[in-house]
Amino acid sequence: MKDAEFIENNVKMVEEFRANGGKIEGGAPLILITTKGAKTGQERVYPLMALPYDDSYLAVASKGGAPKHPQWYHNLMAHPDITVEVGIEKFPARAKLLGGEERAKAFAKAAQVFPPTASSSRRRPARCPFSCSTHERRCMSGCMNWL
């Protein structure tokens, strides 16, 4: 899929998500993340598969095993303060890369919930990073995890 088609598809998913209280017809559960563009600083909204993890969520930056990270990965690295939407709930969060045992545990959970995660990791194992983000209201001492 070309970038323009991918972006158009994402815009439709975001619109449907917001119009239907966080649900997409016939699709997997989603969350939305709003980031600032890494280069432009412009607001960007991305639909990601909802992968619950303790009191948080995981996000997989594997881009389906593609050789490059998704755009939102670079945005998170440049501007880690984001907004997350789950259903009709919206809250601030902060992204951070996970590593070591924490990354392995989170990746195992993501692969359990969505098995294609494991196969995309085999195609490019070093390029499926995790990050972690905290927000005040939902997990005071916990974290929101991004992969």
C-alpha atoms as a PDB file:
ATOM      1  CA  MET A   1       0.000   0.000   0.000  1.00  0.00           C
ATOM      2  CA  LYS A   2       1.379   3.424  -0.927  1.00  0.00           C
ATOM      3  CA  ASP A   3       1.778   6.082   1.760  1.00  0.00           C
ATOM      4  CA  ALA A   4      -1.084   8.221   0.383  1.00  0.00           C
ATOM      5  CA  GLU A   5      -3.467   5.232   0.440  1.00  0.00           C
ATOM      6  CA  PHE A   6      -2.303   4.294   3.929  1.00  0.00           C
ATOM      7  CA  ILE A   7      -2.912   7.829   5.206  1.00  0.00           C
ATOM      8  CA  GLU A   8      -6.353   7.978   3.551  1.00  0.00           C
ATOM      9  CA  ASN A   9      -7.287   4.653   5.155  1.00  0.00           C
ATOM     10  CA  ASN A  10      -6.104   5.898   8.570  1.00  0.00           C
ATOM     11  CA  VAL A  11      -8.160   9.105   8.238  1.00  0.00           C
ATOM     12  CA  LYS A  12     -11.290   7.007   7.573  1.00  0.00           C
ATOM     13  CA  MET A  13     -10.542   4.774  10.558  1.00  0.00           C
ATOM     14  CA  VAL A  14     -10.050   7.769  12.866  1.00  0.00           C
ATOM     15  CA  GLU A  15     -13.340   9.298  11.694  1.00  0.00           C
ATOM     16  CA  GLU A  16     -15.219   6.014  12.214  1.00  0.00           C
ATOM     17  CA  PHE A  17     -13.581   5.495  15.631  1.00  0.00           C
ATOM     18  CA  ARG A  18     -14.675   8.932  16.830  1.00  0.00           C
ATOM     19  CA  ALA A  19     -18.152   8.712  15.291  1.00  0.00           C
ATOM     20  CA  ASN A  20     -18.839   5.325  16.936  1.00  0.00           C
ATOM     21  CA  GLY A  21     -17.476   5.717  20.461  1.00  0.00           C
ATOM     22  CA  GLY A  22     -14.166   4.035  19.694  1.00  0.00           C
ATOM     23  CA  LYS A  23     -15.438   1.163  17.579  1.00  0.00           C
ATOM     24  CA  ILE A  24     -14.605   0.213  13.977  1.00  0.00           C
ATOM     25  CA  GLU A  25     -17.036  -2.042  12.136  1.00  0.00           C
ATOM     26  CA  GLY A  26     -15.541  -5.481  11.549  1.00  0.00           C
ATOM     27  CA  GLY A  27     -12.138  -4.442  12.876  1.00  0.00           C
ATOM     28  CA  ALA A  28      -9.969  -5.214  15.851  1.00  0.00           C
ATOM     29  CA  PRO A  29     -10.254  -2.930  18.904  1.00  0.00           C
ATOM     30  CA  LEU A  30      -8.274   0.264  18.387  1.00  0.00           C
ATOM     31  CA  ILE A  31      -6.776   3.155  20.282  1.00  0.00           C
ATOM     32  CA  LEU A  32      -5.841   6.507  18.772  1.00  0.00           C
ATOM     33  CA  ILE A  33      -2.623   8.335  19.523  1.00  0.00           C
ATOM     34  CA  THR A  34      -2.158  12.004  18.726  1.00  0.00           C
ATOM     35  CA  THR A  35       1.459  13.038  18.273  1.00  0.00           C
ATOM     36  CA  LYS A  36       3.380  16.017  16.976  1.00  0.00           C
ATOM     37  CA  GLY A  37       5.190  15.468  13.682  1.00  0.00           C
ATOM     38  CA  ALA A  38       8.902  14.813  14.205  1.00  0.00           C
ATOM     39  CA  LYS A  39       9.925  17.415  11.615  1.00  0.00           C
ATOM     40  CA  THR A  40       6.885  19.702  11.317  1.00  0.00           C
ATOM     41  CA  GLY A  41       5.517  19.717  14.853  1.00  0.00           C
ATOM     42  CA  GLN A  42       2.032  19.405  13.305  1.00  0.00           C
ATOM     43  CA  GLU A  43      -0.563  17.301  15.109  1.00  0.00           C
ATOM     44  CA  ARG A  44      -0.943  13.767  13.710  1.00  0.00           C
ATOM     45  CA  VAL A  45      -3.503  11.107  14.704  1.00  0.00           C
ATOM     46  CA  TYR A  46      -2.807   7.397  14.244  1.00  0.00           C
ATOM     47  CA  PRO A  47      -5.102   4.401  14.845  1.00  0.00           C
ATOM     48  CA  LEU A  48      -3.285   1.514  16.536  1.00  0.00           C
ATOM     49  CA  MET A  49      -4.452  -1.912  17.611  1.00  0.00           C
ATOM     50  CA  ALA A  50      -5.502  -1.896  21.273  1.00  0.00           C
ATOM     51  CA  LEU A  51      -3.280  -4.321  23.155  1.00  0.00           C
ATOM     52  CA  PRO A  52      -4.170  -4.166  26.876  1.00  0.00           C
ATOM     53  CA  TYR A  53      -1.214  -4.680  29.208  1.00  0.00           C
ATOM     54  CA  ASP A  54      -1.849  -4.450  32.961  1.00  0.00           C
ATOM     55  CA  ASP A  55      -3.379  -0.963  33.448  1.00  0.00           C
ATOM     56  CA  SER A  56      -2.002   0.205  30.114  1.00  0.00           C
ATOM     57  CA  TYR A  57      -1.735  -0.556  26.399  1.00  0.00           C
ATOM     58  CA  LEU A  58       0.983  -1.751  24.064  1.00  0.00           C
ATOM     59  CA  ALA A  59       1.574  -0.397  20.580  1.00  0.00           C
ATOM     60  CA  VAL A  60       3.665  -2.270  18.013  1.00  0.00           C
ATOM     61  CA  ALA A  61       6.002  -0.191  15.845  1.00  0.00           C
ATOM     62  CA  SER A  62       6.704  -3.054  13.453  1.00  0.00           C
ATOM     63  CA  LYS A  63       4.799  -1.649  10.471  1.00  0.00           C
ATOM     64  CA  GLY A  64       3.819  -5.216   9.592  1.00  0.00           C
ATOM     65  CA  GLY A  65       7.445  -6.289   9.269  1.00  0.00           C
ATOM     66  CA  ALA A  66       8.346  -3.513   6.835  1.00  0.00           C
ATOM     67  CA  PRO A  67      12.009  -2.439   6.790  1.00  0.00           C
ATOM     68  CA  LYS A  68      11.184   1.010   8.199  1.00  0.00           C
ATOM     69  CA  HIS A  69       9.451   2.163  11.349  1.00  0.00           C
ATOM     70  CA  PRO A  70       5.966   3.702  11.024  1.00  0.00           C
ATOM     71  CA  GLN A  71       5.823   7.496  10.985  1.00  0.00           C
ATOM     72  CA  TRP A  72       4.369   7.664  14.476  1.00  0.00           C
ATOM     73  CA  TYR A  73       7.470   5.946  15.902  1.00  0.00           C
ATOM     74  CA  HIS A  74       9.680   8.858  14.800  1.00  0.00           C
ATOM     75  CA  ASN A  75       7.102  11.321  16.115  1.00  0.00           C
ATOM     76  CA  LEU A  76       7.144   9.642  19.541  1.00  0.00           C
ATOM     77  CA  MET A  77      10.923   9.689  19.626  1.00  0.00           C
ATOM     78  CA  ALA A  78      11.016  13.425  18.814  1.00  0.00           C
ATOM     79  CA  HIS A  79       7.941  14.477  20.832  1.00  0.00           C
ATOM     80  CA  PRO A  80       7.086  11.918  23.542  1.00  0.00           C
ATOM     81  CA  ASP A  81       4.116  13.839  24.994  1.00  0.00           C
ATOM     82  CA  ILE A  82       1.006  12.466  23.306  1.00  0.00           C
ATOM     83  CA  THR A  83      -2.754  12.113  23.675  1.00  0.00           C
ATOM     84  CA  VAL A  84      -4.362   8.667  23.756  1.00  0.00           C
ATOM     85  CA  GLU A  85      -8.007   7.871  22.965  1.00  0.00           C
ATOM     86  CA  VAL A  86      -9.598   4.633  24.171  1.00  0.00           C
ATOM     87  CA  GLY A  87     -13.303   4.427  23.341  1.00  0.00           C
ATOM     88  CA  ILE A  88     -14.684   7.822  24.336  1.00  0.00           C
ATOM     89  CA  GLU A  89     -11.941   8.439  26.923  1.00  0.00           C
ATOM     90  CA  LYS A  90      -9.080  10.809  26.050  1.00  0.00           C
ATOM     91  CA  PHE A  91      -5.990  11.427  28.203  1.00  0.00           C
ATOM     92  CA  PRO A  92      -2.408  12.746  28.052  1.00  0.00           C
ATOM     93  CA  ALA A  93       0.497  10.287  28.009  1.00  0.00           C
ATOM     94  CA  ARG A  94       4.289  10.291  27.660  1.00  0.00           C
ATOM     95  CA  ALA A  95       6.153   7.806  25.455  1.00  0.00           C
ATOM     96  CA  LYS A  96       9.478   6.135  26.268  1.00  0.00           C
ATOM     97  CA  LEU A  97      11.320   3.243  24.633  1.00  0.00           C
ATOM     98  CA  LEU A  98      11.266  -0.035  26.564  1.00  0.00           C
ATOM     99  CA  GLY A  99      14.306  -2.273  26.630  1.00  0.00           C
ATOM    100  CA  GLY A 100      15.705  -5.482  28.030  1.00  0.00           C
ATOM    101  CA  GLU A 101      13.434  -7.719  30.087  1.00  0.00           C
ATOM    102  CA  GLU A 102      10.634  -5.156  30.118  1.00  0.00           C
ATOM    103  CA  ARG A 103      10.613  -5.085  26.301  1.00  0.00           C
ATOM    104  CA  ALA A 104      10.717  -8.901  26.085  1.00  0.00           C
ATOM    105  CA  LYS A 105       7.787  -9.276  28.510  1.00  0.00           C
ATOM    106  CA  ALA A 106       5.711  -6.658  26.686  1.00  0.00           C
ATOM    107  CA  PHE A 107       6.547  -8.130  23.282  1.00  0.00           C
ATOM    108  CA  ALA A 108       5.512 -11.623  24.453  1.00  0.00           C
ATOM    109  CA  LYS A 109       2.168 -10.179  25.599  1.00  0.00           C
ATOM    110  CA  ALA A 110       1.667  -8.388  22.265  1.00  0.00           C
ATOM    111  CA  ALA A 111       2.421 -11.609  20.360  1.00  0.00           C
ATOM    112  CA  GLN A 112      -0.032 -13.515  22.577  1.00  0.00           C
ATOM    113  CA  VAL A 113      -2.835 -11.027  21.881  1.00  0.00           C
ATOM    114  CA  PHE A 114      -1.966 -10.559  18.194  1.00  0.00           C
ATOM    115  CA  PRO A 115       0.137 -13.499  16.862  1.00  0.00           C
ATOM    116  CA  PRO A 116       1.248 -11.734  13.626  1.00  0.00           C
ATOM    117  CA  THR A 117       3.392  -9.528  15.893  1.00  0.00           C
ATOM    118  CA  ALA A 118       5.746 -12.469  16.403  1.00  0.00           C
ATOM    119  CA  SER A 119       6.091 -13.179  12.681  1.00  0.00           C
ATOM    120  CA  SER A 120       6.825  -9.521  11.874  1.00  0.00           C
ATOM    121  CA  SER A 121       9.501  -9.611  14.574  1.00  0.00           C
ATOM    122  CA  ARG A 122      11.145 -12.629  12.916  1.00  0.00           C
ATOM    123  CA  ARG A 123      11.372 -10.657   9.655  1.00  0.00           C
ATOM    124  CA  ARG A 124      13.117  -7.758  11.413  1.00  0.00           C
ATOM    125  CA  PRO A 125      13.695  -8.560  15.096  1.00  0.00           C
ATOM    126  CA  ALA A 126      15.764  -5.506  15.996  1.00  0.00           C
ATOM    127  CA  ARG A 127      13.153  -3.070  14.696  1.00  0.00           C
ATOM    128  CA  CYS A 128      10.148  -3.727  16.939  1.00  0.00           C
ATOM    129  CA  PRO A 129      10.830  -1.275  19.772  1.00  0.00           C
ATOM    130  CA  PHE A 130       8.667  -0.663  22.791  1.00  0.00           C
ATOM    131  CA  SER A 131       8.136   2.575  24.597  1.00  0.00           C
ATOM    132  CA  CYS A 132       6.354   3.393  27.822  1.00  0.00           C
ATOM    133  CA  SER A 133       4.135   6.298  28.702  1.00  0.00           C
ATOM    134  CA  THR A 134       2.501   7.474  31.926  1.00  0.00           C
ATOM    135  CA  HIS A 135      -0.599   9.550  32.452  1.00  0.00           C
ATOM    136  CA  GLU A 136      -1.878  10.868  35.760  1.00  0.00           C
ATOM    137  CA  ARG A 137      -5.494   9.745  35.891  1.00  0.00           C
ATOM    138  CA  ARG A 138      -5.512   6.071  34.902  1.00  0.00           C
ATOM    139  CA  CYS A 139      -2.259   4.732  36.284  1.00  0.00           C
ATOM    140  CA  MET A 140      -0.673   6.938  38.885  1.00  0.00           C
ATOM    141  CA  SER A 141       2.309   4.657  39.411  1.00  0.00           C
ATOM    142  CA  GLY A 142       1.917   2.447  36.364  1.00  0.00           C
ATOM    143  CA  CYS A 143       2.729   3.093  32.761  1.00  0.00           C
ATOM    144  CA  MET A 144       1.226   3.023  29.336  1.00  0.00           C
ATOM    145  CA  ASN A 145       3.433   0.917  27.108  1.00  0.00           C
ATOM    146  CA  TRP A 146       4.135   1.477  23.456  1.00  0.00           C
ATOM    147  CA  LEU A 147       5.864  -1.087  21.322  1.00  0.00           C
END
